[in-house]
Amino acid sequence: MKEIPITKLAKIIRSKNAGPFEITFDLLFKDQESYQFVKRSKSITKELFAKLYHIPIEKITYFGEYEPANAIKVTIARTISSGTVGDTDVYGAQQYAPLLKIKIKVDE
């Protein structure tokens, strides 16, 4: 089975604070075709996020697809609040890296 890296389909993959207690992730796709392809593949799931971020699925506070922007948005509870002693990423801007490993399976 062939796989396409998410980086070939998405134009923006980012993370950022959603307040001091959550981080939100945005996957914005290059076009409607790429977005629909990923959506149909059912590759981006709550279960995938839980696995990538080593969190229980209950820590995912929002999972949504937003067709007008060709986007998937996911928000998770932070393990430590922003700015607290021990926090390594106050703005949450470096947390998207595990998403770059996603590969979308293609039936040939």
PDB file of N, CA and C in Angstrom:
ATOM      1  N   MET A   1       0.850  -1.184   0.000  1.00  0.00           N
ATOM      2  CA  MET A   1       0.000   0.000   0.000  1.00  0.00           C
ATOM      3  C   MET A   1       0.893   1.244   0.000  1.00  0.00           C
ATOM      4  N   LYS A   2       0.568   2.176  -0.847  1.00  0.00           N
ATOM      5  CA  LYS A   2       1.316   3.416  -0.975  1.00  0.00           C
ATOM      6  C   LYS A   2       0.897   4.392   0.130  1.00  0.00           C
ATOM      7  N   GLU A   3       1.826   5.232   0.554  1.00  0.00           N
ATOM      8  CA  GLU A   3       1.540   6.253   1.565  1.00  0.00           C
ATOM      9  C   GLU A   3       2.040   7.610   1.080  1.00  0.00           C
ATOM     10  N   ILE A   4       1.256   8.645   1.382  1.00  0.00           N
ATOM     11  CA  ILE A   4       1.640  10.010   1.021  1.00  0.00           C
ATOM     12  C   ILE A   4       1.890  10.776   2.323  1.00  0.00           C
ATOM     13  N   PRO A   5       3.066  11.401   2.449  1.00  0.00           N
ATOM     14  CA  PRO A   5       3.325  12.207   3.656  1.00  0.00           C
ATOM     15  C   PRO A   5       2.341  13.375   3.744  1.00  0.00           C
ATOM     16  N   ILE A   6       1.900  13.666   4.938  1.00  0.00           N
ATOM     17  CA  ILE A   6       0.954  14.772   5.154  1.00  0.00           C
ATOM     18  C   ILE A   6       1.532  16.089   4.637  1.00  0.00           C
ATOM     19  N   THR A   7       2.832  16.213   4.663  1.00  0.00           N
ATOM     20  CA  THR A   7       3.485  17.447   4.205  1.00  0.00           C
ATOM     21  C   THR A   7       3.308  17.688   2.706  1.00  0.00           C
ATOM     22  N   LYS A   8       2.939  16.655   1.961  1.00  0.00           N
ATOM     23  CA  LYS A   8       2.670  16.824   0.526  1.00  0.00           C
ATOM     24  C   LYS A   8       1.243  17.315   0.279  1.00  0.00           C
ATOM     25  N   LEU A   9       0.389  17.183   1.279  1.00  0.00           N
ATOM     26  CA  LEU A   9      -1.022  17.531   1.113  1.00  0.00           C
ATOM     27  C   LEU A   9      -1.422  18.811   1.841  1.00  0.00           C
ATOM     28  N   ALA A  10      -0.738  19.093   2.942  1.00  0.00           N
ATOM     29  CA  ALA A  10      -1.084  20.265   3.762  1.00  0.00           C
ATOM     30  C   ALA A  10      -0.151  21.422   3.439  1.00  0.00           C
ATOM     31  N   LYS A  11      -0.715  22.623   3.398  1.00  0.00           N
ATOM     32  CA  LYS A  11       0.140  23.805   3.182  1.00  0.00           C
ATOM     33  C   LYS A  11       0.584  24.408   4.507  1.00  0.00           C
ATOM     34  N   ILE A  12      -0.203  24.182   5.564  1.00  0.00           N
ATOM     35  CA  ILE A  12       0.150  24.693   6.890  1.00  0.00           C
ATOM     36  C   ILE A  12      -0.136  23.608   7.922  1.00  0.00           C
ATOM     37  N   ILE A  13       0.852  23.340   8.760  1.00  0.00           N
ATOM     38  CA  ILE A  13       0.696  22.458   9.916  1.00  0.00           C
ATOM     39  C   ILE A  13       1.271  23.248  11.078  1.00  0.00           C
ATOM     40  N   ARG A  14       0.421  23.580  12.055  1.00  0.00           N
ATOM     41  CA  ARG A  14       0.895  24.452  13.135  1.00  0.00           C
ATOM     42  C   ARG A  14       0.241  24.094  14.467  1.00  0.00           C
ATOM     43  N   SER A  15       0.868  24.611  15.506  1.00  0.00           N
ATOM     44  CA  SER A  15       0.302  24.493  16.851  1.00  0.00           C
ATOM     45  C   SER A  15       0.444  25.846  17.527  1.00  0.00           C
ATOM     46  N   LYS A  16      -0.443  26.090  18.498  1.00  0.00           N
ATOM     47  CA  LYS A  16      -0.380  27.349  19.240  1.00  0.00           C
ATOM     48  C   LYS A  16      -1.246  27.220  20.489  1.00  0.00           C
ATOM     49  N   ASN A  17      -1.027  28.137  21.414  1.00  0.00           N
ATOM     50  CA  ASN A  17      -1.848  28.153  22.615  1.00  0.00           C
ATOM     51  C   ASN A  17      -3.305  28.384  22.265  1.00  0.00           C
ATOM     52  N   ALA A  18      -4.147  27.766  23.063  1.00  0.00           N
ATOM     53  CA  ALA A  18      -5.583  28.053  23.024  1.00  0.00           C
ATOM     54  C   ALA A  18      -5.945  28.395  24.463  1.00  0.00           C
ATOM     55  N   GLY A  19      -5.256  29.401  24.977  1.00  0.00           N
ATOM     56  CA  GLY A  19      -5.344  29.737  26.394  1.00  0.00           C
ATOM     57  C   GLY A  19      -4.218  29.041  27.147  1.00  0.00           C
ATOM     58  N   PRO A  20      -4.108  29.249  28.441  1.00  0.00           N
ATOM     59  CA  PRO A  20      -2.982  28.692  29.196  1.00  0.00           C
ATOM     60  C   PRO A  20      -3.065  27.189  29.451  1.00  0.00           C
ATOM     61  N   PHE A  21      -4.231  26.586  29.196  1.00  0.00           N
ATOM     62  CA  PHE A  21      -4.415  25.184  29.549  1.00  0.00           C
ATOM     63  C   PHE A  21      -4.615  24.250  28.364  1.00  0.00           C
ATOM     64  N   GLU A  22      -4.592  24.797  27.151  1.00  0.00           N
ATOM     65  CA  GLU A  22      -4.800  23.975  25.960  1.00  0.00           C
ATOM     66  C   GLU A  22      -3.857  24.395  24.832  1.00  0.00           C
ATOM     67  N   ILE A  23      -3.613  23.451  23.940  1.00  0.00           N
ATOM     68  CA  ILE A  23      -2.865  23.702  22.708  1.00  0.00           C
ATOM     69  C   ILE A  23      -3.761  23.278  21.560  1.00  0.00           C
ATOM     70  N   THR A  24      -3.798  24.084  20.512  1.00  0.00           N
ATOM     71  CA  THR A  24      -4.604  23.751  19.346  1.00  0.00           C
ATOM     72  C   THR A  24      -3.687  23.502  18.151  1.00  0.00           C
ATOM     73  N   PHE A  25      -4.112  22.592  17.309  1.00  0.00           N
ATOM     74  CA  PHE A  25      -3.355  22.194  16.120  1.00  0.00           C
ATOM     75  C   PHE A  25      -4.223  22.446  14.903  1.00  0.00           C
ATOM     76  N   ASP A  26      -3.612  22.986  13.871  1.00  0.00           N
ATOM     77  CA  ASP A  26      -4.317  23.248  12.619  1.00  0.00           C
ATOM     78  C   ASP A  26      -3.594  22.546  11.484  1.00  0.00           C
ATOM     79  N   LEU A  27      -4.346  21.812  10.686  1.00  0.00           N
ATOM     80  CA  LEU A  27      -3.835  21.236   9.447  1.00  0.00           C
ATOM     81  C   LEU A  27      -4.673  21.855   8.341  1.00  0.00           C
ATOM     82  N   LEU A  28      -4.068  22.740   7.567  1.00  0.00           N
ATOM     83  CA  LEU A  28      -4.760  23.417   6.476  1.00  0.00           C
ATOM     84  C   LEU A  28      -4.229  22.851   5.166  1.00  0.00           C
ATOM     85  N   PHE A  29      -5.123  22.342   4.359  1.00  0.00           N
ATOM     86  CA  PHE A  29      -4.721  21.630   3.160  1.00  0.00           C
ATOM     87  C   PHE A  29      -4.631  22.542   1.946  1.00  0.00           C
ATOM     88  N   LYS A  30      -3.813  22.121   0.977  1.00  0.00           N
ATOM     89  CA  LYS A  30      -3.486  22.932  -0.190  1.00  0.00           C
ATOM     90  C   LYS A  30      -4.714  23.311  -1.009  1.00  0.00           C
ATOM     91  N   ASP A  31      -5.661  22.392  -1.054  1.00  0.00           N
ATOM     92  CA  ASP A  31      -6.855  22.622  -1.873  1.00  0.00           C
ATOM     93  C   ASP A  31      -7.973  21.699  -1.403  1.00  0.00           C
ATOM     94  N   GLN A  32      -9.148  21.899  -1.966  1.00  0.00           N
ATOM     95  CA  GLN A  32     -10.317  21.098  -1.607  1.00  0.00           C
ATOM     96  C   GLN A  32     -10.079  19.616  -1.881  1.00  0.00           C
ATOM     97  N   GLU A  33      -9.415  19.315  -2.973  1.00  0.00           N
ATOM     98  CA  GLU A  33      -9.149  17.920  -3.338  1.00  0.00           C
ATOM     99  C   GLU A  33      -8.283  17.226  -2.282  1.00  0.00           C
ATOM    100  N   SER A  34      -7.222  17.874  -1.845  1.00  0.00           N
ATOM    101  CA  SER A  34      -6.345  17.294  -0.815  1.00  0.00           C
ATOM    102  C   SER A  34      -7.090  17.119   0.497  1.00  0.00           C
ATOM    103  N   TYR A  35      -7.864  18.133   0.872  1.00  0.00           N
ATOM    104  CA  TYR A  35      -8.648  18.075   2.108  1.00  0.00           C
ATOM    105  C   TYR A  35      -9.629  16.908   2.068  1.00  0.00           C
ATOM    106  N   GLN A  36     -10.385  16.795   0.988  1.00  0.00           N
ATOM    107  CA  GLN A  36     -11.363  15.716   0.863  1.00  0.00           C
ATOM    108  C   GLN A  36     -10.689  14.344   0.845  1.00  0.00           C
ATOM    109  N   PHE A  37      -9.533  14.257   0.205  1.00  0.00           N
ATOM    110  CA  PHE A  37      -8.785  13.001   0.152  1.00  0.00           C
ATOM    111  C   PHE A  37      -8.409  12.544   1.573  1.00  0.00           C
ATOM    112  N   VAL A  38      -7.878  13.460   2.371  1.00  0.00           N
ATOM    113  CA  VAL A  38      -7.483  13.129   3.743  1.00  0.00           C
ATOM    114  C   VAL A  38      -8.718  12.804   4.579  1.00  0.00           C
ATOM    115  N   LYS A  39      -9.744  13.586   4.420  1.00  0.00           N
ATOM    116  CA  LYS A  39     -10.986  13.361   5.163  1.00  0.00           C
ATOM    117  C   LYS A  39     -11.564  11.968   4.855  1.00  0.00           C
ATOM    118  N   ARG A  40     -11.612  11.613   3.582  1.00  0.00           N
ATOM    119  CA  ARG A  40     -12.129  10.297   3.178  1.00  0.00           C
ATOM    120  C   ARG A  40     -11.259   9.155   3.703  1.00  0.00           C
ATOM    121  N   SER A  41      -9.975   9.400   3.843  1.00  0.00           N
ATOM    122  CA  SER A  41      -9.057   8.353   4.298  1.00  0.00           C
ATOM    123  C   SER A  41      -9.278   7.994   5.769  1.00  0.00           C
ATOM    124  N   LYS A  42      -9.899   8.910   6.500  1.00  0.00           N
ATOM    125  CA  LYS A  42     -10.129   8.733   7.939  1.00  0.00           C
ATOM    126  C   LYS A  42      -8.817   8.465   8.690  1.00  0.00           C
ATOM    127  N   SER A  43      -7.730   9.056   8.195  1.00  0.00           N
ATOM    128  CA  SER A  43      -6.413   8.883   8.803  1.00  0.00           C
ATOM    129  C   SER A  43      -6.190   9.794  10.000  1.00  0.00           C
ATOM    130  N   ILE A  44      -6.784  10.983   9.978  1.00  0.00           N
ATOM    131  CA  ILE A  44      -6.614  11.945  11.068  1.00  0.00           C
ATOM    132  C   ILE A  44      -7.775  11.727  12.039  1.00  0.00           C
ATOM    133  N   THR A  45      -7.455  11.182  13.202  1.00  0.00           N
ATOM    134  CA  THR A  45      -8.481  10.826  14.182  1.00  0.00           C
ATOM    135  C   THR A  45      -8.044  11.247  15.588  1.00  0.00           C
ATOM    136  N   LYS A  46      -8.992  11.217  16.500  1.00  0.00           N
ATOM    137  CA  LYS A  46      -8.664  11.455  17.906  1.00  0.00           C
ATOM    138  C   LYS A  46      -7.663  10.410  18.385  1.00  0.00           C
ATOM    139  N   GLU A  47      -7.856   9.184  17.952  1.00  0.00           N
ATOM    140  CA  GLU A  47      -6.960   8.101  18.362  1.00  0.00           C
ATOM    141  C   GLU A  47      -5.528   8.354  17.896  1.00  0.00           C
ATOM    142  N   LEU A  48      -5.380   8.875  16.679  1.00  0.00           N
ATOM    143  CA  LEU A  48      -4.045   9.199  16.174  1.00  0.00           C
ATOM    144  C   LEU A  48      -3.394  10.276  17.038  1.00  0.00           C
ATOM    145  N   PHE A  49      -4.144  11.329  17.361  1.00  0.00           N
ATOM    146  CA  PHE A  49      -3.599  12.394  18.198  1.00  0.00           C
ATOM    147  C   PHE A  49      -3.206  11.872  19.578  1.00  0.00           C
ATOM    148  N   ALA A  50      -4.045  11.038  20.158  1.00  0.00           N
ATOM    149  CA  ALA A  50      -3.736  10.463  21.474  1.00  0.00           C
ATOM    150  C   ALA A  50      -2.428   9.668  21.398  1.00  0.00           C
ATOM    151  N   LYS A  51      -2.258   8.922  20.335  1.00  0.00           N
ATOM    152  CA  LYS A  51      -1.038   8.133  20.160  1.00  0.00           C
ATOM    153  C   LYS A  51       0.184   9.041  19.938  1.00  0.00           C
ATOM    154  N   LEU A  52       0.067  10.010  19.036  1.00  0.00           N
ATOM    155  CA  LEU A  52       1.195  10.889  18.726  1.00  0.00           C
ATOM    156  C   LEU A  52       1.658  11.709  19.930  1.00  0.00           C
ATOM    157  N   TYR A  53       0.699  12.107  20.766  1.00  0.00           N
ATOM    158  CA  TYR A  53       1.030  12.978  21.899  1.00  0.00           C
ATOM    159  C   TYR A  53       1.033  12.254  23.238  1.00  0.00           C
ATOM    160  N   HIS A  54       0.902  10.939  23.181  1.00  0.00           N
ATOM    161  CA  HIS A  54       1.000  10.110  24.401  1.00  0.00           C
ATOM    162  C   HIS A  54       0.066  10.618  25.492  1.00  0.00           C
ATOM    163  N   ILE A  55      -1.187  10.816  25.096  1.00  0.00           N
ATOM    164  CA  ILE A  55      -2.198  11.314  26.039  1.00  0.00           C
ATOM    165  C   ILE A  55      -3.432  10.432  25.962  1.00  0.00           C
ATOM    166  N   PRO A  56      -4.210  10.402  27.036  1.00  0.00           N
ATOM    167  CA  PRO A  56      -5.495   9.697  26.938  1.00  0.00           C
ATOM    168  C   PRO A  56      -6.434  10.466  26.007  1.00  0.00           C
ATOM    169  N   ILE A  57      -7.283   9.748  25.316  1.00  0.00           N
ATOM    170  CA  ILE A  57      -8.198  10.366  24.353  1.00  0.00           C
ATOM    171  C   ILE A  57      -9.084  11.427  25.014  1.00  0.00           C
ATOM    172  N   GLU A  58      -9.322  11.293  26.302  1.00  0.00           N
ATOM    173  CA  GLU A  58     -10.152  12.254  27.038  1.00  0.00           C
ATOM    174  C   GLU A  58      -9.498  13.644  27.110  1.00  0.00           C
ATOM    175  N   LYS A  59      -8.200  13.728  26.867  1.00  0.00           N
ATOM    176  CA  LYS A  59      -7.493  15.018  26.888  1.00  0.00           C
ATOM    177  C   LYS A  59      -7.705  15.808  25.598  1.00  0.00           C
ATOM    178  N   ILE A  60      -8.353  15.190  24.615  1.00  0.00           N
ATOM    179  CA  ILE A  60      -8.677  15.895  23.367  1.00  0.00           C
ATOM    180  C   ILE A  60      -9.995  16.614  23.601  1.00  0.00           C
ATOM    181  N   THR A  61      -9.920  17.940  23.653  1.00  0.00           N
ATOM    182  CA  THR A  61     -11.103  18.725  23.999  1.00  0.00           C
ATOM    183  C   THR A  61     -11.910  19.167  22.778  1.00  0.00           C
ATOM    184  N   TYR A  62     -11.293  19.112  21.593  1.00  0.00           N
ATOM    185  CA  TYR A  62     -12.001  19.471  20.371  1.00  0.00           C
ATOM    186  C   TYR A  62     -11.362  18.747  19.199  1.00  0.00           C
ATOM    187  N   PHE A  63     -12.179  18.233  18.309  1.00  0.00           N
ATOM    188  CA  PHE A  63     -11.731  17.637  17.054  1.00  0.00           C
ATOM    189  C   PHE A  63     -12.762  18.037  16.013  1.00  0.00           C
ATOM    190  N   GLY A  64     -12.332  18.772  15.005  1.00  0.00           N
ATOM    191  CA  GLY A  64     -13.301  19.219  14.014  1.00  0.00           C
ATOM    192  C   GLY A  64     -12.715  19.387  12.629  1.00  0.00           C
ATOM    193  N   GLU A  65     -13.571  19.211  11.655  1.00  0.00           N
ATOM    194  CA  GLU A  65     -13.226  19.438  10.252  1.00  0.00           C
ATOM    195  C   GLU A  65     -13.950  20.706   9.826  1.00  0.00           C
ATOM    196  N   TYR A  66     -13.239  21.597   9.152  1.00  0.00           N
ATOM    197  CA  TYR A  66     -13.822  22.878   8.753  1.00  0.00           C
ATOM    198  C   TYR A  66     -13.646  23.055   7.248  1.00  0.00           C
ATOM    199  N   GLU A  67     -14.669  22.647   6.537  1.00  0.00           N
ATOM    200  CA  GLU A  67     -14.614  22.610   5.080  1.00  0.00           C
ATOM    201  C   GLU A  67     -14.328  23.951   4.401  1.00  0.00           C
ATOM    202  N   PRO A  68     -14.903  25.089   4.854  1.00  0.00           N
ATOM    203  CA  PRO A  68     -14.615  26.347   4.157  1.00  0.00           C
ATOM    204  C   PRO A  68     -13.120  26.702   4.105  1.00  0.00           C
ATOM    205  N   ALA A  69     -12.348  26.204   5.078  1.00  0.00           N
ATOM    206  CA  ALA A  69     -10.907  26.493   5.100  1.00  0.00           C
ATOM    207  C   ALA A  69     -10.064  25.279   4.706  1.00  0.00           C
ATOM    208  N   ASN A  70     -10.715  24.186   4.290  1.00  0.00           N
ATOM    209  CA  ASN A  70      -9.994  22.943   3.991  1.00  0.00           C
ATOM    210  C   ASN A  70      -9.092  22.565   5.164  1.00  0.00           C
ATOM    211  N   ALA A  71      -9.671  22.527   6.354  1.00  0.00           N
ATOM    212  CA  ALA A  71      -8.864  22.388   7.567  1.00  0.00           C
ATOM    213  C   ALA A  71      -9.410  21.352   8.543  1.00  0.00           C
ATOM    214  N   ILE A  72      -8.484  20.807   9.302  1.00  0.00           N
ATOM    215  CA  ILE A  72      -8.806  19.969  10.450  1.00  0.00           C
ATOM    216  C   ILE A  72      -8.176  20.654  11.650  1.00  0.00           C
ATOM    217  N   LYS A  73      -8.948  20.801  12.712  1.00  0.00           N
ATOM    218  CA  LYS A  73      -8.478  21.481  13.919  1.00  0.00           C
ATOM    219  C   LYS A  73      -8.678  20.543  15.097  1.00  0.00           C
ATOM    220  N   VAL A  74      -7.642  20.449  15.931  1.00  0.00           N
ATOM    221  CA  VAL A  74      -7.690  19.599  17.113  1.00  0.00           C
ATOM    222  C   VAL A  74      -7.129  20.389  18.289  1.00  0.00           C
ATOM    223  N   THR A  75      -7.797  20.305  19.430  1.00  0.00           N
ATOM    224  CA  THR A  75      -7.325  20.970  20.640  1.00  0.00           C
ATOM    225  C   THR A  75      -7.156  19.925  21.728  1.00  0.00           C
ATOM    226  N   ILE A  76      -6.019  20.020  22.437  1.00  0.00           N
ATOM    227  CA  ILE A  76      -5.757  19.094  23.532  1.00  0.00           C
ATOM    228  C   ILE A  76      -5.459  19.883  24.805  1.00  0.00           C
ATOM    229  N   ALA A  77      -5.735  19.255  25.937  1.00  0.00           N
ATOM    230  CA  ALA A  77      -5.380  19.853  27.225  1.00  0.00           C
ATOM    231  C   ALA A  77      -3.867  19.742  27.387  1.00  0.00           C
ATOM    232  N   ARG A  78      -3.267  20.819  27.838  1.00  0.00           N
ATOM    233  CA  ARG A  78      -1.821  20.802  28.106  1.00  0.00           C
ATOM    234  C   ARG A  78      -1.547  19.938  29.328  1.00  0.00           C
ATOM    235  N   THR A  79      -0.388  19.280  29.338  1.00  0.00           N
ATOM    236  CA  THR A  79      -0.013  18.488  30.510  1.00  0.00           C
ATOM    237  C   THR A  79       0.468  19.385  31.637  1.00  0.00           C
ATOM    238  N   ILE A  80       0.921  20.586  31.282  1.00  0.00           N
ATOM    239  CA  ILE A  80       1.348  21.586  32.258  1.00  0.00           C
ATOM    240  C   ILE A  80       0.934  22.948  31.699  1.00  0.00           C
ATOM    241  N   SER A  81       0.393  23.810  32.528  1.00  0.00           N
ATOM    242  CA  SER A  81      -0.122  25.074  32.006  1.00  0.00           C
ATOM    243  C   SER A  81       0.999  25.972  31.484  1.00  0.00           C
ATOM    244  N   SER A  82       0.658  26.790  30.530  1.00  0.00           N
ATOM    245  CA  SER A  82       1.611  27.688  29.879  1.00  0.00           C
ATOM    246  C   SER A  82       2.262  28.615  30.899  1.00  0.00           C
ATOM    247  N   GLY A  83       3.586  28.646  30.874  1.00  0.00           N
ATOM    248  CA  GLY A  83       4.333  29.543  31.752  1.00  0.00           C
ATOM    249  C   GLY A  83       4.635  28.988  33.129  1.00  0.00           C
ATOM    250  N   THR A  84       4.107  27.821  33.434  1.00  0.00           N
ATOM    251  CA  THR A  84       4.381  27.193  34.723  1.00  0.00           C
ATOM    252  C   THR A  84       5.818  26.674  34.728  1.00  0.00           C
ATOM    253  N   VAL A  85       6.427  26.634  35.895  1.00  0.00           N
ATOM    254  CA  VAL A  85       7.771  26.064  36.015  1.00  0.00           C
ATOM    255  C   VAL A  85       7.747  24.666  35.396  1.00  0.00           C
ATOM    256  N   GLY A  86       8.677  24.418  34.502  1.00  0.00           N
ATOM    257  CA  GLY A  86       8.740  23.134  33.814  1.00  0.00           C
ATOM    258  C   GLY A  86       8.145  23.158  32.421  1.00  0.00           C
ATOM    259  N   ASP A  87       7.410  24.209  32.092  1.00  0.00           N
ATOM    260  CA  ASP A  87       6.847  24.333  30.750  1.00  0.00           C
ATOM    261  C   ASP A  87       7.985  24.622  29.781  1.00  0.00           C
ATOM    262  N   THR A  88       8.066  23.844  28.718  1.00  0.00           N
ATOM    263  CA  THR A  88       9.151  24.012  27.752  1.00  0.00           C
ATOM    264  C   THR A  88       8.748  24.770  26.489  1.00  0.00           C
ATOM    265  N   ASP A  89       7.472  25.123  26.378  1.00  0.00           N
ATOM    266  CA  ASP A  89       6.993  25.809  25.179  1.00  0.00           C
ATOM    267  C   ASP A  89       5.810  26.708  25.552  1.00  0.00           C
ATOM    268  N   VAL A  90       6.117  27.878  26.072  1.00  0.00           N
ATOM    269  CA  VAL A  90       5.098  28.794  26.592  1.00  0.00           C
ATOM    270  C   VAL A  90       4.000  29.079  25.566  1.00  0.00           C
ATOM    271  N   TYR A  91       4.361  29.241  24.311  1.00  0.00           N
ATOM    272  CA  TYR A  91       3.384  29.598  23.275  1.00  0.00           C
ATOM    273  C   TYR A  91       2.763  28.387  22.587  1.00  0.00           C
ATOM    274  N   GLY A  92       3.269  27.189  22.877  1.00  0.00           N
ATOM    275  CA  GLY A  92       2.743  25.988  22.236  1.00  0.00           C
ATOM    276  C   GLY A  92       3.086  25.892  20.767  1.00  0.00           C
ATOM    277  N   ALA A  93       3.981  26.731  20.292  1.00  0.00           N
ATOM    278  CA  ALA A  93       4.276  26.826  18.863  1.00  0.00           C
ATOM    279  C   ALA A  93       5.197  25.727  18.332  1.00  0.00           C
ATOM    280  N   GLN A  94       5.794  24.938  19.216  1.00  0.00           N
ATOM    281  CA  GLN A  94       6.717  23.894  18.772  1.00  0.00           C
ATOM    282  C   GLN A  94       6.103  22.498  18.876  1.00  0.00           C
ATOM    283  N   GLN A  95       4.833  22.412  19.180  1.00  0.00           N
ATOM    284  CA  GLN A  95       4.214  21.114  19.462  1.00  0.00           C
ATOM    285  C   GLN A  95       3.683  20.384  18.227  1.00  0.00           C
ATOM    286  N   TYR A  96       3.780  20.982  17.069  1.00  0.00           N
ATOM    287  CA  TYR A  96       3.246  20.368  15.854  1.00  0.00           C
ATOM    288  C   TYR A  96       4.147  19.292  15.268  1.00  0.00           C
ATOM    289  N   ALA A  97       5.394  19.207  15.694  1.00  0.00           N
ATOM    290  CA  ALA A  97       6.373  18.312  15.062  1.00  0.00           C
ATOM    291  C   ALA A  97       5.891  16.872  14.882  1.00  0.00           C
ATOM    292  N   PRO A  98       5.246  16.228  15.866  1.00  0.00           N
ATOM    293  CA  PRO A  98       4.789  14.848  15.621  1.00  0.00           C
ATOM    294  C   PRO A  98       3.818  14.709  14.448  1.00  0.00           C
ATOM    295  N   LEU A  99       3.111  15.772  14.114  1.00  0.00           N
ATOM    296  CA  LEU A  99       2.170  15.709  12.993  1.00  0.00           C
ATOM    297  C   LEU A  99       2.884  15.520  11.660  1.00  0.00           C
ATOM    298  N   LEU A 100       4.129  15.951  11.588  1.00  0.00           N
ATOM    299  CA  LEU A 100       4.883  15.839  10.346  1.00  0.00           C
ATOM    300  C   LEU A 100       5.164  14.387   9.967  1.00  0.00           C
ATOM    301  N   LYS A 101       4.989  13.466  10.892  1.00  0.00           N
ATOM    302  CA  LYS A 101       5.217  12.033  10.646  1.00  0.00           C
ATOM    303  C   LYS A 101       3.993  11.350  10.028  1.00  0.00           C
ATOM    304  N   ILE A 102       2.874  12.014   9.999  1.00  0.00           N
ATOM    305  CA  ILE A 102       1.648  11.377   9.498  1.00  0.00           C
ATOM    306  C   ILE A 102       1.792  11.022   8.020  1.00  0.00           C
ATOM    307  N   LYS A 103       1.346   9.822   7.695  1.00  0.00           N
ATOM    308  CA  LYS A 103       1.303   9.378   6.312  1.00  0.00           C
ATOM    309  C   LYS A 103      -0.130   8.921   6.022  1.00  0.00           C
ATOM    310  N   ILE A 104      -0.622   9.322   4.872  1.00  0.00           N
ATOM    311  CA  ILE A 104      -1.977   8.969   4.451  1.00  0.00           C
ATOM    312  C   ILE A 104      -1.898   7.786   3.496  1.00  0.00           C
ATOM    313  N   LYS A 105      -2.580   6.711   3.849  1.00  0.00           N
ATOM    314  CA  LYS A 105      -2.558   5.505   3.017  1.00  0.00           C
ATOM    315  C   LYS A 105      -3.396   5.689   1.767  1.00  0.00           C
ATOM    316  N   VAL A 106      -2.878   5.180   0.671  1.00  0.00           N
ATOM    317  CA  VAL A 106      -3.553   5.284  -0.625  1.00  0.00           C
ATOM    318  C   VAL A 106      -3.797   3.882  -1.152  1.00  0.00           C
ATOM    319  N   ASP A 107      -5.036   3.559  -1.461  1.00  0.00           N
ATOM    320  CA  ASP A 107      -5.339   2.282  -2.121  1.00  0.00           C
ATOM    321  C   ASP A 107      -4.952   2.395  -3.581  1.00  0.00           C
ATOM    322  N   GLU A 108      -4.173   1.455  -4.031  1.00  0.00           N
ATOM    323  CA  GLU A 108      -3.764   1.499  -5.442  1.00  0.00           C
ATOM    324  C   GLU A 108      -4.592   0.575  -6.285  1.00  0.00           C
TER     325      GLU A 108
END
